[in-house]
């Protein structure tokens, strides 16, 4: 099985940015633990702060990978284009969020991705990524 994790804007600052919301661990360190935990899965990771780069990556892998775990961060609530890209590809996408977006500002309660995703996981910290990966194993 071949899965890609895509992280959107500002997630390159995990471990530094708002540790009370996002924790103290960088995603790179966490990703190494994911590869150790899921040794039977070919895991890849991509992060970009640029909307178009995320769309290009979805197009690049969206017909060959078995699944995508997507944390589009703030683009979740603003990018019709990323939602359209998820709809346009064959690879199933799980939308995930580290924080519980429904316990935050009201503008974070809507998603342009969710209706085109296989499912949505929100509010379990970095464990949200584990749940997203596990959803492809069911």
C-alpha atoms as a PDB file:
ATOM      1  CA  UNK A   1       0.000   0.000   0.000  1.00  0.00           C
ATOM      2  CA  UNK A   2       1.248   3.442  -0.953  1.00  0.00           C
ATOM      3  CA  UNK A   3       0.012   6.478   1.008  1.00  0.00           C
ATOM      4  CA  UNK A   4       0.941  10.152   0.882  1.00  0.00           C
ATOM      5  CA  UNK A   5       0.520  12.646   3.700  1.00  0.00           C
ATOM      6  CA  UNK A   6       0.081  16.209   2.446  1.00  0.00           C
ATOM      7  CA  UNK A   7       0.350  19.101   4.878  1.00  0.00           C
ATOM      8  CA  UNK A   8      -0.655  22.632   3.993  1.00  0.00           C
ATOM      9  CA  UNK A   9       0.355  26.097   5.147  1.00  0.00           C
ATOM     10  CA  UNK A  10       2.152  26.716   8.424  1.00  0.00           C
ATOM     11  CA  UNK A  11       2.357  23.020   9.285  1.00  0.00           C
ATOM     12  CA  UNK A  12       6.082  23.222   8.606  1.00  0.00           C
ATOM     13  CA  UNK A  13       6.141  25.076  11.954  1.00  0.00           C
ATOM     14  CA  UNK A  14       4.765  22.189  14.018  1.00  0.00           C
ATOM     15  CA  UNK A  15       6.678  21.939  17.261  1.00  0.00           C
ATOM     16  CA  UNK A  16       7.284  25.695  17.254  1.00  0.00           C
ATOM     17  CA  UNK A  17       3.890  27.213  16.447  1.00  0.00           C
ATOM     18  CA  UNK A  18       1.240  27.384  19.178  1.00  0.00           C
ATOM     19  CA  UNK A  19       2.412  24.301  21.103  1.00  0.00           C
ATOM     20  CA  UNK A  20      -0.715  24.483  23.295  1.00  0.00           C
ATOM     21  CA  UNK A  21      -2.803  23.749  20.159  1.00  0.00           C
ATOM     22  CA  UNK A  22      -0.405  21.765  17.954  1.00  0.00           C
ATOM     23  CA  UNK A  23       2.048  20.166  20.383  1.00  0.00           C
ATOM     24  CA  UNK A  24       5.837  20.302  20.727  1.00  0.00           C
ATOM     25  CA  UNK A  25       6.907  17.757  18.098  1.00  0.00           C
ATOM     26  CA  UNK A  26       8.000  18.667  14.586  1.00  0.00           C
ATOM     27  CA  UNK A  27       6.216  16.814  11.817  1.00  0.00           C
ATOM     28  CA  UNK A  28       9.510  15.432  10.534  1.00  0.00           C
ATOM     29  CA  UNK A  29      10.137  13.692  13.873  1.00  0.00           C
ATOM     30  CA  UNK A  30       6.530  12.494  14.002  1.00  0.00           C
ATOM     31  CA  UNK A  31       6.750  11.218  10.415  1.00  0.00           C
ATOM     32  CA  UNK A  32       9.699   9.007  11.347  1.00  0.00           C
ATOM     33  CA  UNK A  33       7.565   7.439  14.084  1.00  0.00           C
ATOM     34  CA  UNK A  34       4.772   6.869  11.544  1.00  0.00           C
ATOM     35  CA  UNK A  35       7.149   5.033   9.210  1.00  0.00           C
ATOM     36  CA  UNK A  36       8.243   2.867  12.138  1.00  0.00           C
ATOM     37  CA  UNK A  37       4.656   2.152  13.197  1.00  0.00           C
ATOM     38  CA  UNK A  38       3.425   1.371   9.669  1.00  0.00           C
ATOM     39  CA  UNK A  39       6.348  -0.563   8.216  1.00  0.00           C
ATOM     40  CA  UNK A  40       4.092  -2.469   5.804  1.00  0.00           C
ATOM     41  CA  UNK A  41       2.964   0.758   4.135  1.00  0.00           C
ATOM     42  CA  UNK A  42       5.022   2.869   1.768  1.00  0.00           C
ATOM     43  CA  UNK A  43       4.540   6.288   3.382  1.00  0.00           C
ATOM     44  CA  UNK A  44       5.560   9.545   1.743  1.00  0.00           C
ATOM     45  CA  UNK A  45       5.256  13.104   3.024  1.00  0.00           C
ATOM     46  CA  UNK A  46       4.830  16.451   1.298  1.00  0.00           C
ATOM     47  CA  UNK A  47       4.326  19.922   2.755  1.00  0.00           C
ATOM     48  CA  UNK A  48       3.735  23.240   1.044  1.00  0.00           C
ATOM     49  CA  UNK A  49       2.550  26.673   2.047  1.00  0.00           C
ATOM     50  CA  UNK A  50       1.395  27.269  -1.547  1.00  0.00           C
ATOM     51  CA  UNK A  51      -2.092  26.343  -2.716  1.00  0.00           C
ATOM     52  CA  UNK A  52      -1.033  25.596  -6.308  1.00  0.00           C
ATOM     53  CA  UNK A  53       1.754  23.285  -5.165  1.00  0.00           C
ATOM     54  CA  UNK A  54      -0.727  21.261  -3.118  1.00  0.00           C
ATOM     55  CA  UNK A  55      -3.043  21.013  -6.133  1.00  0.00           C
ATOM     56  CA  UNK A  56      -0.142  19.930  -8.350  1.00  0.00           C
ATOM     57  CA  UNK A  57       0.842  17.225  -5.850  1.00  0.00           C
ATOM     58  CA  UNK A  58      -2.745  15.948  -5.685  1.00  0.00           C
ATOM     59  CA  UNK A  59      -2.789  15.730  -9.493  1.00  0.00           C
ATOM     60  CA  UNK A  60       0.621  14.036  -9.548  1.00  0.00           C
ATOM     61  CA  UNK A  61      -0.267  11.198  -7.155  1.00  0.00           C
ATOM     62  CA  UNK A  62      -4.051  11.128  -7.421  1.00  0.00           C
ATOM     63  CA  UNK A  63      -4.185   8.296  -9.908  1.00  0.00           C
ATOM     64  CA  UNK A  64      -1.366   6.065  -8.653  1.00  0.00           C
ATOM     65  CA  UNK A  65      -1.384   6.109  -4.830  1.00  0.00           C
ATOM     66  CA  UNK A  66      -3.732   4.032  -2.688  1.00  0.00           C
ATOM     67  CA  UNK A  67      -4.623   6.910  -0.396  1.00  0.00           C
ATOM     68  CA  UNK A  68      -3.900  10.481   0.635  1.00  0.00           C
ATOM     69  CA  UNK A  69      -4.072  11.882   4.160  1.00  0.00           C
ATOM     70  CA  UNK A  70      -4.601  15.611   3.642  1.00  0.00           C
ATOM     71  CA  UNK A  71      -4.273  18.331   6.234  1.00  0.00           C
ATOM     72  CA  UNK A  72      -4.867  21.372   4.057  1.00  0.00           C
ATOM     73  CA  UNK A  73      -4.797  23.575   7.179  1.00  0.00           C
ATOM     74  CA  UNK A  74      -6.358  27.003   6.515  1.00  0.00           C
ATOM     75  CA  UNK A  75      -6.877  26.127   2.837  1.00  0.00           C
ATOM     76  CA  UNK A  76      -9.549  23.682   4.023  1.00  0.00           C
ATOM     77  CA  UNK A  77     -11.819  26.639   4.681  1.00  0.00           C
ATOM     78  CA  UNK A  78     -10.839  28.846   1.740  1.00  0.00           C
ATOM     79  CA  UNK A  79      -9.759  26.797  -1.270  1.00  0.00           C
ATOM     80  CA  UNK A  80     -12.436  25.771  -3.711  1.00  0.00           C
ATOM     81  CA  UNK A  81      -9.546  24.754  -5.983  1.00  0.00           C
ATOM     82  CA  UNK A  82      -8.137  22.171  -3.552  1.00  0.00           C
ATOM     83  CA  UNK A  83     -11.657  20.802  -3.027  1.00  0.00           C
ATOM     84  CA  UNK A  84     -12.032  20.529  -6.806  1.00  0.00           C
ATOM     85  CA  UNK A  85      -8.637  18.794  -7.094  1.00  0.00           C
ATOM     86  CA  UNK A  86      -9.702  16.188  -4.517  1.00  0.00           C
ATOM     87  CA  UNK A  87     -12.899  15.620  -6.502  1.00  0.00           C
ATOM     88  CA  UNK A  88     -10.959  15.296  -9.784  1.00  0.00           C
ATOM     89  CA  UNK A  89      -8.621  12.478  -8.705  1.00  0.00           C
ATOM     90  CA  UNK A  90      -9.281   8.756  -8.228  1.00  0.00           C
ATOM     91  CA  UNK A  91      -7.205   8.242  -5.082  1.00  0.00           C
ATOM     92  CA  UNK A  92      -9.325   8.453  -1.923  1.00  0.00           C
ATOM     93  CA  UNK A  93      -8.521  11.324   0.432  1.00  0.00           C
ATOM     94  CA  UNK A  94      -8.998  11.536   4.183  1.00  0.00           C
ATOM     95  CA  UNK A  95      -9.219  15.136   5.419  1.00  0.00           C
ATOM     96  CA  UNK A  96      -7.575  15.499   8.805  1.00  0.00           C
ATOM     97  CA  UNK A  97      -6.994  18.235  11.347  1.00  0.00           C
ATOM     98  CA  UNK A  98      -4.822  18.265  14.441  1.00  0.00           C
ATOM     99  CA  UNK A  99      -7.164  20.535  16.388  1.00  0.00           C
ATOM    100  CA  UNK A 100     -10.922  20.220  16.738  1.00  0.00           C
ATOM    101  CA  UNK A 101     -11.892  22.773  14.097  1.00  0.00           C
ATOM    102  CA  UNK A 102     -15.461  22.873  15.450  1.00  0.00           C
ATOM    103  CA  UNK A 103     -14.194  24.126  18.812  1.00  0.00           C
ATOM    104  CA  UNK A 104     -12.417  27.025  17.092  1.00  0.00           C
ATOM    105  CA  UNK A 105     -13.479  30.117  15.143  1.00  0.00           C
ATOM    106  CA  UNK A 106     -16.720  29.740  13.186  1.00  0.00           C
ATOM    107  CA  UNK A 107     -15.025  30.210   9.800  1.00  0.00           C
ATOM    108  CA  UNK A 108     -13.126  26.959  10.488  1.00  0.00           C
ATOM    109  CA  UNK A 109     -16.380  25.013  10.719  1.00  0.00           C
ATOM    110  CA  UNK A 110     -16.748  24.734   6.946  1.00  0.00           C
ATOM    111  CA  UNK A 111     -14.623  22.744   4.511  1.00  0.00           C
ATOM    112  CA  UNK A 112     -14.349  22.838   0.737  1.00  0.00           C
ATOM    113  CA  UNK A 113     -12.680  19.406   0.893  1.00  0.00           C
ATOM    114  CA  UNK A 114     -14.980  17.330   3.127  1.00  0.00           C
ATOM    115  CA  UNK A 115     -17.737  16.630   0.592  1.00  0.00           C
ATOM    116  CA  UNK A 116     -15.168  15.147  -1.799  1.00  0.00           C
ATOM    117  CA  UNK A 117     -13.212  13.237   0.860  1.00  0.00           C
ATOM    118  CA  UNK A 118     -13.659   9.647   1.974  1.00  0.00           C
ATOM    119  CA  UNK A 119     -13.884  10.945   5.550  1.00  0.00           C
ATOM    120  CA  UNK A 120     -12.845  13.646   8.003  1.00  0.00           C
ATOM    121  CA  UNK A 121     -10.868  13.265  11.231  1.00  0.00           C
ATOM    122  CA  UNK A 122     -10.466  16.242  13.549  1.00  0.00           C
ATOM    123  CA  UNK A 123      -9.286  17.002  17.037  1.00  0.00           C
ATOM    124  CA  UNK A 124      -7.007  14.135  18.035  1.00  0.00           C
ATOM    125  CA  UNK A 125      -3.700  15.983  17.827  1.00  0.00           C
ATOM    126  CA  UNK A 126      -1.015  14.246  15.789  1.00  0.00           C
ATOM    127  CA  UNK A 127      -2.937  11.008  16.398  1.00  0.00           C
ATOM    128  CA  UNK A 128      -5.338  12.271  13.709  1.00  0.00           C
ATOM    129  CA  UNK A 129      -2.711  11.204  11.144  1.00  0.00           C
ATOM    130  CA  UNK A 130      -2.574   7.697  12.639  1.00  0.00           C
ATOM    131  CA  UNK A 131      -6.361   7.444  12.460  1.00  0.00           C
ATOM    132  CA  UNK A 132      -6.257   8.657   8.863  1.00  0.00           C
ATOM    133  CA  UNK A 133      -3.712   6.017   7.896  1.00  0.00           C
ATOM    134  CA  UNK A 134      -5.607   3.308   9.764  1.00  0.00           C
ATOM    135  CA  UNK A 135      -8.790   4.197   7.868  1.00  0.00           C
ATOM    136  CA  UNK A 136      -7.120   2.873   4.701  1.00  0.00           C
ATOM    137  CA  UNK A 137      -6.395  -0.449   6.416  1.00  0.00           C
ATOM    138  CA  UNK A 138     -10.045  -1.231   7.201  1.00  0.00           C
END
